Amino acid sequence: MSASRSETARPPGPDGPESGADGAAGPDGGPGADLLAALLDGMDAALCAFDADGVITHWNREAERILGWSADEAVGRRGFAGWAVRSADADEVHGRLMAAMEVPGRLVHEFALLRKDGGRVLVRTQSAGVRGADGGPAGVYCAFSEVHAQIDLERSIALSEALFDDALWGVVLVDVDLRPTVVNGHAARALGSGRTALLGRPLGETVTQGVEELEGALHHVLAEGAPRALAELWVTLRAPDGGERRRCWRSGFLRLASPLAEEPVPLGVGWLFQDVTEAKLAAQEADKLRFRSSQLHRAGRAAGECESPMEAATVCLDFALVGFADHALIDLVLGEPAAVAPGGGTAAGGAQPTRLVRVAATPGGSVGPCLPVAAGGIPVSYRDGHPALQAVARTGSVRASAPSGASTTPTWSVSRQWPPDSVHALCTVLRSRGRTLGVVTFLRGASRPSFERQDAVYAEDVTARMAASLDLLRAEETRPEARPEG
């Protein structure tokens, strides 16, 4: 502050504007006055003070910025009459400001003040009384700001309160250590915990899978700023009952920086997200159905160009395997299909169990087309209760999966005459003209999910097309040779 300001920067005392405050310099200035002047000028709000007679004793730099009147021009005037307020409003404004000496607490008013250039500005004031050493009224201090700035601040506060109350989006504020500091109700419900239980705790305690991607996004925002588009993050949450929930969150991120620092200092990240799991799953299911329908259409056209019925069946199977399974096996019933009845026995009474012969398979160690197998008519050594035999007995589809634990997977699959890397199986019967011709087994590895009911429906569509070709193949094999005339 200039020397002229330091002379005026003294608090109102019981004896008027010329008396010094305890611990501060008097009229001649000094360290106490300089410190008080620096504090006043450093405030973000405009501030002025009046003594008990209504004479202005303090006027800071923000007040000069808003109204245009310098401290030299303002200090020493009695009230605002004739210079900072219209004459018609002067008595009312002065009375309402000085009334703060007589009541406890603060009074809030809105006034229209005059700028030095003649313009008017609407300000919101907060005034409070100042007590002297004897406890009596010694003056009033008044902090004021432009109403539009105050309204902007209130809007920001109201927006924050609304977001942190119960917005439709989850809102989480994390500090620079990526620990939640504020969690709104929507986010707490999505994370499956209480609002206060999440504060200060690592995100990994709630998010079991996908936390690396989430923390990576937060680190990026702290270092580089907010991304230009929303991000969709798949995470697995730990449920209160010990289970897990897979969710997809459409997320936006904002870097929070302090408005009080000369250079942007990151305070953390604002993370806003919305659960879009159901919409994503529905879209994925629709895409899967469109793709499978397209594959069936292409398989039908390709099979129609095949001369051999076996080739037509394997071509249809090759189209079905894309995006569906890793391996496939075709086993046909040994003997006359007409003799096979539901239950796995023969129509004559079930004395002979169903025997299956491997006629085609995909490569066991790698991905490849389904090719015929020269089994020589030797049945596959399936044990009782094998999923393929169950499918024949039920005349339907059977799903099976290896027990959890990688150590049991090779034993489980090899014992069932499947490739060692198989973890999930789906056995579907081949039915044509009311007869069971055989079984098609679809196999998936550990990188794929287990088969579901929708997968079984698709597999049944595929095997229905294959069964027609394989029925034609069996008819050709059993057709008697034409006898020569004579």
Protein backbone atom coordinates (compact mmCIF):
# COMPACT_ATOMS: atom_id res chain seq x y z
CA MET A 1 0.00 0.00 0.00
CA SER A 2 1.23 3.57 -0.65
CA ALA A 3 2.18 5.89 2.18
CA SER A 4 -1.10 7.79 1.85
CA ARG A 5 -2.98 4.52 2.38
CA SER A 6 -1.00 3.48 5.43
CA GLU A 7 -2.08 6.66 7.15
CA THR A 8 -5.75 5.80 6.63
CA ALA A 9 -5.48 2.06 7.33
CA ARG A 10 -6.38 2.07 11.03
CA PRO A 11 -9.35 0.37 12.67
CA PRO A 12 -12.10 2.36 14.28
CA GLY A 13 -11.55 2.81 17.99
CA PRO A 14 -13.69 4.08 20.83
CA ASP A 15 -12.38 7.62 20.40
CA GLY A 16 -12.96 7.87 16.64
CA PRO A 17 -10.84 7.41 13.56
CA GLU A 18 -7.72 9.03 15.02
CA SER A 19 -7.21 6.51 17.83
CA GLY A 20 -4.94 3.49 17.23
CA ALA A 21 -5.94 -0.13 17.83
CA ASP A 22 -4.18 -2.33 20.33
CA GLY A 23 -1.00 -3.73 18.80
CA ALA A 24 -1.23 -1.47 15.72
CA ALA A 25 0.47 1.75 14.79
CA GLY A 26 -1.17 5.06 15.38
CA PRO A 27 -1.62 7.98 13.01
CA ASP A 28 2.06 8.08 12.22
CA GLY A 29 1.92 4.59 10.73
CA GLY A 30 4.32 1.76 11.48
CA PRO A 31 4.64 -2.01 11.16
CA GLY A 32 1.17 -2.67 12.56
CA ALA A 33 -0.48 -0.27 10.13
CA ASP A 34 1.46 -1.67 7.18
CA LEU A 35 0.47 -5.21 8.09
CA LEU A 36 -3.19 -4.27 8.42
CA ALA A 37 -3.10 -2.40 5.12
CA ALA A 38 -1.54 -5.40 3.37
CA LEU A 39 -4.15 -7.75 4.80
CA LEU A 40 -7.00 -5.52 3.72
CA ASP A 41 -5.65 -5.03 0.22
CA GLY A 42 -5.10 -8.78 -0.19
CA MET A 43 -8.74 -9.63 0.41
CA ASP A 44 -10.88 -10.91 -2.44
CA ALA A 45 -13.91 -9.01 -1.17
CA ALA A 46 -14.33 -5.25 -1.09
CA LEU A 47 -14.17 -3.90 2.46
CA CYS A 48 -14.76 -0.57 4.07
CA ALA A 49 -15.13 0.45 7.73
CA PHE A 50 -16.92 3.28 9.50
CA ASP A 51 -16.35 4.75 12.93
CA ALA A 52 -19.21 5.38 15.33
CA ASP A 53 -20.00 8.68 13.58
CA GLY A 54 -20.25 7.05 10.14
CA VAL A 55 -16.90 8.34 8.87
CA ILE A 56 -15.03 5.96 6.55
CA THR A 57 -11.78 4.74 8.11
CA HIS A 58 -10.76 1.87 5.79
CA TRP A 59 -11.11 1.28 2.06
CA ASN A 60 -9.29 -1.61 0.38
CA ARG A 61 -8.13 -2.17 -3.17
CA GLU A 62 -11.10 -4.40 -4.16
CA ALA A 63 -13.50 -1.63 -3.14
CA GLU A 64 -11.53 0.73 -5.39
CA ARG A 65 -11.76 -1.77 -8.26
CA ILE A 66 -15.54 -2.14 -7.99
CA LEU A 67 -16.48 1.55 -7.51
CA GLY A 68 -13.47 3.37 -8.97
CA TRP A 69 -12.93 5.56 -5.87
CA SER A 70 -9.43 5.37 -4.40
CA ALA A 71 -8.69 5.11 -0.70
CA ASP A 72 -7.50 8.73 -0.67
CA GLU A 73 -10.86 9.81 -2.07
CA ALA A 74 -12.98 7.60 0.19
CA VAL A 75 -11.37 7.66 3.64
CA GLY A 76 -12.54 10.57 5.78
CA ARG A 77 -15.93 10.99 4.10
CA ARG A 78 -19.05 10.61 6.19
CA GLY A 79 -21.14 7.84 4.64
CA PHE A 80 -21.79 7.45 0.93
CA ALA A 81 -24.00 10.48 0.46
CA GLY A 82 -23.17 12.69 -2.52
CA TRP A 83 -20.53 10.48 -4.08
CA ALA A 84 -21.11 6.67 -3.86
CA VAL A 85 -24.90 6.65 -3.57
CA ARG A 86 -27.76 8.76 -4.88
CA SER A 87 -28.91 11.53 -2.59
CA ALA A 88 -32.42 10.10 -2.47
CA ASP A 89 -31.08 6.78 -1.17
CA ALA A 90 -28.30 8.12 1.06
CA ASP A 91 -30.20 8.27 4.36
CA GLU A 92 -31.69 4.79 3.95
CA VAL A 93 -28.36 3.22 3.00
CA HIS A 94 -26.52 4.97 5.83
CA GLY A 95 -29.13 3.97 8.38
CA ARG A 96 -29.15 0.33 7.37
CA LEU A 97 -25.36 0.13 7.44
CA MET A 98 -24.96 1.80 10.84
CA ALA A 99 -27.78 -0.32 12.31
CA ALA A 100 -25.26 -3.18 12.49
CA MET A 101 -23.72 -1.51 15.58
CA GLU A 102 -26.89 -2.14 17.56
CA VAL A 103 -27.56 -5.80 16.74
CA PRO A 104 -25.50 -8.95 17.19
CA GLY A 105 -24.24 -10.91 14.19
CA ARG A 106 -24.19 -9.76 10.60
CA LEU A 107 -26.72 -7.95 8.46
CA VAL A 108 -27.04 -8.65 4.72
CA HIS A 109 -28.38 -5.97 2.37
CA GLU A 110 -28.38 -5.15 -1.33
CA PHE A 111 -27.72 -1.58 -2.43
CA ALA A 112 -27.27 0.24 -5.71
CA LEU A 113 -24.00 2.20 -5.42
CA LEU A 114 -22.48 4.74 -7.81
CA ARG A 115 -19.20 4.28 -9.61
CA LYS A 116 -16.81 7.13 -10.01
CA ASP A 117 -17.64 7.23 -13.74
CA GLY A 118 -21.33 7.71 -12.94
CA GLY A 119 -22.45 4.14 -13.57
CA ARG A 120 -24.48 2.17 -11.06
CA VAL A 121 -23.62 -1.22 -9.64
CA LEU A 122 -25.78 -3.47 -7.48
CA VAL A 123 -23.79 -4.84 -4.53
CA ARG A 124 -24.57 -7.26 -1.73
CA THR A 125 -23.19 -6.20 1.64
CA GLN A 126 -22.48 -7.96 4.89
CA SER A 127 -22.04 -5.56 7.79
CA ALA A 128 -21.27 -6.13 11.46
CA GLY A 129 -20.61 -3.90 14.42
CA VAL A 130 -17.19 -3.24 15.98
CA ARG A 131 -16.84 -3.01 19.75
CA GLY A 132 -14.42 -0.74 21.53
CA ALA A 133 -12.24 -1.52 24.52
CA ASP A 134 -15.13 -0.69 26.87
CA GLY A 135 -17.47 -3.01 24.98
CA GLY A 136 -19.48 -0.20 23.49
CA PRO A 137 -20.23 0.40 19.79
CA ALA A 138 -17.14 1.73 18.05
CA GLY A 139 -18.04 1.43 14.39
CA VAL A 140 -19.06 -0.88 11.56
CA TYR A 141 -17.17 -2.86 9.01
CA CYS A 142 -18.82 -3.68 5.69
CA ALA A 143 -17.77 -6.30 3.12
CA PHE A 144 -19.44 -6.10 -0.27
CA SER A 145 -19.26 -7.61 -3.73
CA GLU A 146 -21.09 -7.22 -7.01
CA VAL A 147 -24.38 -9.08 -6.95
CA HIS A 148 -23.73 -10.94 -10.21
CA ALA A 149 -20.44 -12.24 -8.84
CA GLN A 150 -22.17 -13.32 -5.65
CA ILE A 151 -24.91 -15.02 -7.68
CA ASP A 152 -22.29 -16.84 -9.74
CA LEU A 153 -20.67 -18.06 -6.55
CA GLU A 154 -24.02 -19.17 -5.16
CA ARG A 155 -24.82 -20.98 -8.40
CA SER A 156 -21.50 -22.83 -8.18
CA ILE A 157 -22.18 -23.80 -4.59
CA ALA A 158 -25.73 -24.86 -5.46
CA LEU A 159 -24.45 -26.96 -8.36
CA SER A 160 -21.92 -28.65 -6.10
CA GLU A 161 -24.57 -29.37 -3.49
CA ALA A 162 -26.93 -30.79 -6.13
CA LEU A 163 -24.23 -33.02 -7.60
CA PHE A 164 -23.16 -34.29 -4.21
CA ASP A 165 -26.72 -34.76 -3.01
CA ASP A 166 -28.36 -37.25 -5.39
CA ALA A 167 -27.57 -36.55 -9.03
CA LEU A 168 -28.36 -39.03 -11.80
CA TRP A 169 -24.62 -39.39 -12.40
CA GLY A 170 -22.18 -40.79 -9.89
CA VAL A 171 -19.76 -38.10 -8.71
CA VAL A 172 -16.50 -38.90 -6.95
CA LEU A 173 -13.73 -36.43 -6.08
CA VAL A 174 -10.31 -38.00 -5.59
CA ASP A 175 -7.17 -36.34 -4.26
CA VAL A 176 -3.73 -36.50 -5.88
CA ASP A 177 -3.19 -39.87 -4.17
CA LEU A 178 -6.31 -41.19 -5.96
CA ARG A 179 -8.26 -41.64 -2.73
CA PRO A 180 -11.92 -40.53 -2.65
CA THR A 181 -12.59 -37.34 -0.71
CA VAL A 182 -16.23 -36.76 -1.69
CA VAL A 183 -18.73 -39.38 -2.90
CA ASN A 184 -22.33 -38.61 -3.78
CA GLY A 185 -25.25 -40.92 -3.10
CA HIS A 186 -25.49 -42.30 -6.66
CA ALA A 187 -21.80 -43.22 -6.71
CA ALA A 188 -22.00 -44.84 -3.27
CA ARG A 189 -24.86 -47.07 -4.42
CA ALA A 190 -23.04 -47.97 -7.63
CA LEU A 191 -19.91 -48.90 -5.66
CA GLY A 192 -21.97 -50.87 -3.16
CA SER A 193 -20.87 -48.98 -0.07
CA GLY A 194 -21.73 -46.01 2.12
CA ARG A 195 -20.65 -42.49 1.27
CA THR A 196 -18.35 -42.10 4.26
CA ALA A 197 -17.01 -45.68 4.14
CA LEU A 198 -15.24 -44.94 0.83
CA LEU A 199 -13.48 -41.77 1.92
CA GLY A 200 -9.70 -41.99 2.09
CA ARG A 201 -9.59 -45.65 1.08
CA PRO A 202 -7.90 -47.04 -2.06
CA LEU A 203 -10.22 -47.73 -4.99
CA GLY A 204 -8.81 -51.26 -5.19
CA GLU A 205 -10.66 -52.20 -2.01
CA THR A 206 -13.96 -51.92 -3.90
CA VAL A 207 -12.97 -52.43 -7.55
CA THR A 208 -11.36 -55.87 -7.91
CA GLN A 209 -10.87 -55.89 -11.70
CA GLY A 210 -10.39 -52.85 -13.89
CA VAL A 211 -8.89 -50.72 -11.12
CA GLU A 212 -5.64 -50.40 -13.10
CA GLU A 213 -7.49 -48.84 -16.04
CA LEU A 214 -9.43 -46.53 -13.73
CA GLU A 215 -6.33 -45.36 -11.84
CA GLY A 216 -4.50 -44.97 -15.14
CA ALA A 217 -7.23 -42.64 -16.38
CA LEU A 218 -7.07 -40.61 -13.15
CA HIS A 219 -3.26 -40.34 -13.40
CA HIS A 220 -3.58 -39.17 -17.00
CA VAL A 221 -6.06 -36.45 -16.04
CA LEU A 222 -3.79 -35.21 -13.24
CA ALA A 223 -0.83 -35.03 -15.62
CA GLU A 224 -2.41 -34.02 -18.93
CA GLY A 225 -5.85 -32.66 -18.17
CA ALA A 226 -9.37 -33.81 -19.00
CA PRO A 227 -9.82 -36.11 -22.04
CA ARG A 228 -11.83 -34.86 -25.00
CA ALA A 229 -14.43 -37.62 -24.92
CA LEU A 230 -16.16 -39.94 -22.49
CA ALA A 231 -14.55 -43.27 -21.67
CA GLU A 232 -16.29 -46.59 -21.06
CA LEU A 233 -14.65 -48.64 -18.32
CA TRP A 234 -15.54 -52.25 -17.50
CA VAL A 235 -14.95 -53.04 -13.84
CA THR A 236 -15.69 -55.89 -11.46
CA LEU A 237 -16.95 -54.85 -8.02
CA ARG A 238 -16.75 -56.73 -4.78
CA ALA A 239 -20.31 -57.32 -3.56
CA PRO A 240 -21.19 -57.16 0.16
CA ASP A 241 -22.14 -60.85 0.12
CA GLY A 242 -18.69 -61.82 -1.13
CA GLY A 243 -19.67 -62.19 -4.79
CA GLU A 244 -18.69 -60.02 -7.75
CA ARG A 245 -20.58 -57.71 -10.09
CA ARG A 246 -19.41 -56.84 -13.60
CA ARG A 247 -20.39 -53.29 -14.59
CA CYS A 248 -19.68 -50.83 -17.41
CA TRP A 249 -19.35 -47.16 -16.46
CA ARG A 250 -19.42 -44.34 -19.00
CA SER A 251 -17.03 -41.90 -17.37
CA GLY A 252 -15.96 -38.29 -17.70
CA PHE A 253 -13.02 -36.72 -15.88
CA LEU A 254 -12.15 -33.15 -14.84
CA ARG A 255 -8.88 -31.96 -13.38
CA LEU A 256 -9.43 -29.80 -10.30
CA ALA A 257 -6.98 -26.94 -9.81
CA SER A 258 -6.81 -24.32 -7.08
CA PRO A 259 -8.17 -20.91 -8.18
CA LEU A 260 -6.05 -19.21 -5.52
CA ALA A 261 -2.65 -20.25 -6.85
CA GLU A 262 -0.68 -18.22 -9.39
CA GLU A 263 0.00 -21.41 -11.36
CA PRO A 264 -2.53 -24.25 -11.66
CA VAL A 265 -1.96 -26.61 -8.77
CA PRO A 266 -3.87 -29.89 -9.13
CA LEU A 267 -6.11 -30.62 -6.17
CA GLY A 268 -7.39 -33.91 -7.58
CA VAL A 269 -9.83 -35.21 -10.16
CA GLY A 270 -13.58 -34.99 -10.49
CA TRP A 271 -14.88 -38.31 -11.80
CA LEU A 272 -18.44 -38.45 -13.12
CA PHE A 273 -19.87 -41.74 -14.32
CA GLN A 274 -23.10 -43.43 -15.33
CA ASP A 275 -23.84 -47.16 -15.31
CA VAL A 276 -24.52 -48.27 -18.90
CA THR A 277 -24.10 -52.00 -18.32
CA GLU A 278 -27.60 -52.98 -19.44
CA ALA A 279 -27.41 -50.90 -22.61
CA LYS A 280 -23.96 -52.27 -23.47
CA LEU A 281 -25.03 -55.86 -22.89
CA ALA A 282 -28.14 -55.34 -25.01
CA ALA A 283 -26.05 -53.84 -27.81
CA GLN A 284 -23.55 -56.69 -27.60
CA GLU A 285 -26.36 -59.25 -27.70
CA ALA A 286 -27.89 -57.56 -30.74
CA ASP A 287 -24.51 -57.50 -32.51
CA LYS A 288 -23.98 -61.17 -31.67
CA LEU A 289 -27.38 -62.15 -33.02
CA ARG A 290 -26.79 -60.20 -36.25
CA PHE A 291 -23.39 -61.83 -36.70
CA ARG A 292 -24.70 -65.34 -36.06
CA SER A 293 -27.61 -64.82 -38.44
CA SER A 294 -25.16 -63.67 -41.08
CA GLN A 295 -22.95 -66.71 -40.48
CA LEU A 296 -25.90 -69.09 -40.83
CA HIS A 297 -26.88 -67.41 -44.08
CA ARG A 298 -23.34 -67.66 -45.46
CA ALA A 299 -23.07 -71.27 -44.26
CA GLY A 300 -26.27 -72.22 -46.07
CA ARG A 301 -25.06 -70.69 -49.35
CA ALA A 302 -21.62 -72.30 -49.05
CA ALA A 303 -23.05 -75.72 -48.18
CA GLY A 304 -25.31 -75.55 -51.23
CA GLU A 305 -22.23 -75.49 -53.47
CA CYS A 306 -20.67 -78.63 -51.92
CA GLU A 307 -20.92 -81.92 -53.85
CA SER A 308 -20.28 -84.14 -50.82
CA PRO A 309 -22.79 -84.22 -47.93
CA MET A 310 -19.91 -84.53 -45.43
CA GLU A 311 -18.23 -81.48 -46.91
CA ALA A 312 -21.50 -79.55 -46.68
CA ALA A 313 -21.82 -80.49 -42.99
CA THR A 314 -18.23 -79.52 -42.12
CA VAL A 315 -18.47 -76.25 -44.07
CA CYS A 316 -21.58 -75.34 -42.12
CA LEU A 317 -19.75 -76.16 -38.89
CA ASP A 318 -16.72 -74.04 -39.87
CA PHE A 319 -18.92 -70.98 -40.35
CA ALA A 320 -20.60 -71.58 -36.98
CA LEU A 321 -17.29 -71.83 -35.09
CA VAL A 322 -16.23 -68.26 -35.90
CA GLY A 323 -16.55 -66.28 -32.67
CA PHE A 324 -18.50 -69.13 -31.06
CA ALA A 325 -16.14 -71.94 -30.06
CA ASP A 326 -12.52 -73.08 -30.38
CA HIS A 327 -13.02 -76.71 -31.35
CA ALA A 328 -15.80 -78.98 -32.62
CA LEU A 329 -16.30 -82.73 -32.92
CA ILE A 330 -18.82 -84.70 -34.99
CA ASP A 331 -19.77 -88.14 -33.66
CA LEU A 332 -22.33 -90.31 -35.46
CA VAL A 333 -24.34 -93.17 -34.06
CA LEU A 334 -22.88 -96.56 -34.95
CA GLY A 335 -25.44 -98.71 -36.68
CA GLU A 336 -28.90 -97.91 -37.94
CA PRO A 337 -30.19 -94.59 -36.51
CA ALA A 338 -33.76 -95.82 -36.65
CA ALA A 339 -32.91 -98.32 -33.91
CA VAL A 340 -31.86 -95.60 -31.47
CA ALA A 341 -34.55 -94.47 -29.06
CA PRO A 342 -34.48 -91.78 -26.37
CA GLY A 343 -32.75 -93.13 -23.28
CA GLY A 344 -29.57 -94.34 -24.94
CA GLY A 345 -30.73 -97.92 -25.67
CA THR A 346 -32.24 -99.64 -28.67
CA ALA A 347 -35.86 -99.70 -29.69
CA ALA A 348 -35.90 -103.40 -28.98
CA GLY A 349 -35.58 -102.86 -25.25
CA GLY A 350 -32.38 -100.88 -24.62
CA ALA A 351 -30.08 -103.90 -24.19
CA GLN A 352 -27.33 -102.28 -26.27
CA PRO A 353 -26.01 -98.83 -25.24
CA THR A 354 -25.52 -96.09 -27.78
CA ARG A 355 -22.11 -96.11 -29.45
CA LEU A 356 -20.68 -93.10 -31.25
CA VAL A 357 -18.00 -92.97 -33.95
CA ARG A 358 -15.84 -89.89 -34.57
CA VAL A 359 -16.25 -88.85 -38.23
CA ALA A 360 -14.90 -85.26 -38.24
CA ALA A 361 -13.05 -82.87 -35.92
CA THR A 362 -11.12 -79.62 -35.85
CA PRO A 363 -7.38 -79.72 -35.04
CA GLY A 364 -6.82 -80.29 -31.33
CA GLY A 365 -3.75 -78.08 -30.87
CA SER A 366 -4.64 -75.10 -33.05
CA VAL A 367 -7.50 -73.39 -34.81
CA GLY A 368 -8.38 -74.89 -38.16
CA PRO A 369 -11.18 -76.22 -40.36
CA CYS A 370 -13.22 -79.26 -39.44
CA LEU A 371 -11.88 -82.26 -41.40
CA PRO A 372 -13.02 -85.90 -41.75
CA VAL A 373 -11.46 -88.44 -39.37
CA ALA A 374 -10.58 -91.98 -40.49
CA ALA A 375 -11.80 -93.83 -37.39
CA GLY A 376 -12.32 -97.12 -39.17
CA GLY A 377 -15.71 -97.59 -37.54
CA ILE A 378 -14.17 -97.91 -34.04
CA PRO A 379 -16.45 -96.32 -31.40
CA VAL A 380 -15.18 -93.51 -29.20
CA SER A 381 -14.55 -94.76 -25.67
CA TYR A 382 -17.00 -92.51 -23.90
CA ARG A 383 -17.72 -93.47 -20.30
CA ASP A 384 -21.17 -93.63 -18.82
CA GLY A 385 -22.51 -90.19 -18.04
CA HIS A 386 -20.46 -88.52 -20.78
CA PRO A 387 -22.14 -85.25 -21.96
CA ALA A 388 -22.38 -86.58 -25.52
CA LEU A 389 -24.21 -89.70 -24.34
CA GLN A 390 -26.42 -87.55 -22.12
CA ALA A 391 -27.36 -85.43 -25.14
CA VAL A 392 -28.37 -88.57 -27.06
CA ALA A 393 -30.39 -89.83 -24.11
CA ARG A 394 -32.17 -86.52 -23.61
CA THR A 395 -32.52 -85.77 -27.33
CA GLY A 396 -31.38 -82.25 -26.52
CA SER A 397 -28.41 -80.09 -25.61
CA VAL A 398 -26.09 -80.63 -22.63
CA ARG A 399 -23.66 -78.04 -21.24
CA ALA A 400 -20.61 -78.86 -19.11
CA SER A 401 -17.66 -76.96 -17.63
CA ALA A 402 -14.46 -78.00 -15.88
CA PRO A 403 -14.26 -77.50 -12.12
CA SER A 404 -12.58 -74.30 -11.01
CA GLY A 405 -8.82 -74.64 -10.76
CA ALA A 406 -6.30 -74.89 -13.59
CA SER A 407 -4.74 -78.08 -12.22
CA THR A 408 -7.89 -80.12 -12.89
CA THR A 409 -8.58 -78.81 -16.41
CA PRO A 410 -6.34 -81.16 -18.52
CA THR A 411 -7.51 -84.24 -16.62
CA TRP A 412 -11.14 -83.21 -16.94
CA SER A 413 -10.96 -82.66 -20.72
CA VAL A 414 -8.68 -85.56 -21.65
CA SER A 415 -10.76 -88.04 -19.70
CA ARG A 416 -13.71 -87.04 -21.89
CA GLN A 417 -11.77 -87.52 -25.15
CA TRP A 418 -11.54 -83.78 -25.78
CA PRO A 419 -8.52 -81.51 -26.50
CA PRO A 420 -6.53 -80.73 -23.32
CA ASP A 421 -7.20 -76.99 -23.45
CA SER A 422 -10.99 -77.45 -23.39
CA VAL A 423 -12.78 -75.94 -20.38
CA HIS A 424 -16.39 -75.57 -21.53
CA ALA A 425 -18.44 -77.97 -23.68
CA LEU A 426 -21.81 -77.97 -25.41
CA CYS A 427 -23.16 -81.22 -26.88
CA THR A 428 -26.06 -80.97 -29.32
CA VAL A 429 -27.80 -83.88 -31.03
CA LEU A 430 -28.13 -84.28 -34.77
CA ARG A 431 -31.81 -85.01 -35.51
CA SER A 432 -33.33 -85.72 -38.91
CA ARG A 433 -36.61 -87.41 -39.88
CA GLY A 434 -37.35 -88.16 -36.24
CA ARG A 435 -34.06 -90.01 -35.69
CA THR A 436 -30.91 -89.23 -33.75
CA LEU A 437 -27.97 -89.37 -36.14
CA GLY A 438 -25.24 -88.34 -33.72
CA VAL A 439 -23.82 -85.51 -31.61
CA VAL A 440 -21.88 -82.33 -32.34
CA THR A 441 -19.65 -81.16 -29.47
CA PHE A 442 -18.57 -77.51 -29.30
CA LEU A 443 -15.58 -76.73 -27.05
CA ARG A 444 -14.21 -73.50 -25.59
CA GLY A 445 -10.92 -72.73 -23.88
CA ALA A 446 -10.28 -70.86 -20.63
CA SER A 447 -10.25 -67.48 -22.37
CA ARG A 448 -13.94 -67.78 -23.26
CA PRO A 449 -17.02 -67.78 -21.02
CA SER A 450 -19.09 -70.89 -20.44
CA PHE A 451 -21.92 -71.74 -22.82
CA GLU A 452 -25.30 -70.22 -22.05
CA ARG A 453 -28.86 -71.01 -23.08
CA GLN A 454 -28.66 -68.60 -26.04
CA ASP A 455 -25.56 -70.46 -27.23
CA ALA A 456 -27.41 -73.77 -27.09
CA VAL A 457 -30.22 -72.33 -29.25
CA TYR A 458 -27.70 -71.19 -31.86
CA ALA A 459 -25.92 -74.57 -31.79
CA GLU A 460 -29.25 -76.35 -32.34
CA ASP A 461 -29.86 -74.19 -35.44
CA VAL A 462 -26.44 -75.17 -36.77
CA THR A 463 -26.84 -78.90 -36.11
CA ALA A 464 -30.30 -78.90 -37.67
CA ARG A 465 -28.71 -77.77 -40.94
CA MET A 466 -25.87 -80.26 -40.56
CA ALA A 467 -28.25 -83.12 -39.80
CA ALA A 468 -29.89 -82.83 -43.21
CA SER A 469 -26.52 -83.25 -44.95
CA LEU A 470 -25.42 -86.10 -42.68
CA ASP A 471 -28.74 -87.88 -43.18
CA LEU A 472 -28.16 -87.67 -46.93
CA LEU A 473 -24.64 -89.04 -46.40
CA ARG A 474 -25.95 -92.06 -44.48
CA ALA A 475 -28.60 -92.65 -47.12
CA GLU A 476 -25.94 -92.73 -49.80
CA GLU A 477 -23.80 -95.15 -47.81
CA THR A 478 -26.66 -97.59 -47.25
CA ARG A 479 -28.15 -97.38 -50.77
CA PRO A 480 -27.98 -100.83 -52.50
CA GLU A 481 -25.94 -100.98 -55.67
CA ALA A 482 -27.88 -101.15 -58.91
CA ARG A 483 -28.19 -104.72 -60.17
CA PRO A 484 -27.18 -105.43 -63.83
CA GLU A 485 -29.98 -106.46 -66.18
CA GLY A 486 -30.19 -110.10 -67.16
